[in-house]
Protein backbone atom coordinates (compact mmCIF):
# COMPACT_ATOMS: atom_id res chain seq x y z
CA UNK A 1 -3.41 13.02 6.04
CA UNK A 2 -3.37 13.41 2.26
CA UNK A 3 -6.52 13.15 0.22
CA UNK A 4 -6.87 10.62 -2.56
CA UNK A 5 -6.84 13.48 -5.07
CA UNK A 6 -3.41 14.64 -3.83
CA UNK A 7 -1.99 11.12 -3.89
CA UNK A 8 -3.21 10.51 -7.44
CA UNK A 9 -1.63 13.75 -8.62
CA UNK A 10 1.76 12.51 -7.41
CA UNK A 11 1.26 8.94 -8.66
CA UNK A 12 3.63 7.89 -11.44
CA UNK A 13 2.66 4.45 -12.82
CA UNK A 14 6.18 3.73 -14.05
CA UNK A 15 7.92 4.61 -10.80
CA UNK A 16 5.24 3.62 -8.27
CA UNK A 17 4.20 0.30 -9.75
CA UNK A 18 4.27 -1.52 -6.40
CA UNK A 19 1.92 0.88 -4.65
CA UNK A 20 -1.82 0.48 -4.88
CA UNK A 21 -2.67 -0.20 -1.23
CA UNK A 22 -1.50 1.26 2.05
CA UNK A 23 0.42 -1.81 3.23
CA UNK A 24 2.33 -1.78 -0.05
CA UNK A 25 3.34 1.82 0.51
CA UNK A 26 4.56 0.92 4.00
CA UNK A 27 6.49 -2.06 2.60
CA UNK A 28 8.27 0.17 0.09
CA UNK A 29 8.96 2.65 2.92
CA UNK A 30 10.57 -0.16 4.94
CA UNK A 31 12.74 -1.19 1.99
CA UNK A 32 13.95 2.37 1.52
CA UNK A 33 14.70 2.95 5.21
CA UNK A 34 16.57 -0.36 5.45
CA UNK A 35 18.47 0.36 2.23
CA UNK A 36 17.32 -2.97 0.79
CA UNK A 37 15.21 -2.05 -2.22
CA UNK A 38 15.99 -5.32 -4.00
CA UNK A 39 13.67 -7.12 -1.59
CA UNK A 40 10.64 -4.80 -1.77
CA UNK A 41 8.29 -7.74 -2.12
CA UNK A 42 9.50 -9.22 1.19
CA UNK A 43 8.80 -6.00 3.05
CA UNK A 44 5.41 -5.62 1.36
CA UNK A 45 4.49 -9.12 2.52
CA UNK A 46 5.70 -8.34 6.04
CA UNK A 47 3.64 -5.13 6.04
CA UNK A 48 0.60 -7.16 5.06
CA UNK A 49 0.99 -10.02 7.54
CA UNK A 50 2.85 -8.67 10.59
CA UNK A 51 1.11 -6.17 12.90
CA UNK A 52 2.22 -2.60 12.27
CA UNK A 53 3.37 -1.82 15.85
CA UNK A 54 5.86 -4.71 15.74
CA UNK A 55 7.28 -3.50 12.43
CA UNK A 56 7.59 0.05 13.72
CA UNK A 57 9.43 -1.06 16.89
CA UNK A 58 11.89 -3.10 14.83
CA UNK A 59 12.39 -0.26 12.36
CA UNK A 60 13.05 2.24 15.16
CA UNK A 61 15.59 -0.15 16.68
CA UNK A 62 17.44 -0.49 13.37
CA UNK A 63 17.41 3.23 12.58
CA UNK A 64 18.86 4.04 16.02
CA UNK A 65 21.71 1.57 15.54
CA UNK A 66 24.83 1.95 13.43
CA UNK A 67 24.53 -1.44 11.75
CA UNK A 68 26.15 -2.13 8.42
CA UNK A 69 23.47 -4.62 7.39
CA UNK A 70 20.23 -2.98 8.46
CA UNK A 71 18.02 -5.57 6.78
CA UNK A 72 19.57 -8.45 8.72
CA UNK A 73 19.26 -6.56 12.00
CA UNK A 74 15.62 -5.77 11.19
CA UNK A 75 14.83 -9.45 10.58
CA UNK A 76 16.65 -10.44 13.79
CA UNK A 77 14.66 -7.90 15.78
CA UNK A 78 11.39 -9.14 14.27
CA UNK A 79 12.29 -12.68 15.31
CA UNK A 80 13.16 -11.45 18.81
CA UNK A 81 9.81 -9.63 19.07
CA UNK A 82 7.97 -12.83 18.14
CA UNK A 83 6.73 -11.84 14.71
CA UNK A 84 7.58 -15.28 13.31
């Protein structure tokens, strides 16, 4: 685990403007993995409201697949897991 000092050294306020809390960092991570960076705010909200294990199961499912639209498959899997 990184210390706060290490994280602040790497922090760029122009590039990392969405990240100030851990769930926001995970939301940005989801957007990058799903190749859907236009909807960062959606993934940040999901990271805040949906339990982390459910998000990780859905993300693993999407990464293992060869889907063209990873974001849509991720949302479908969340619905199937009962997140909504």
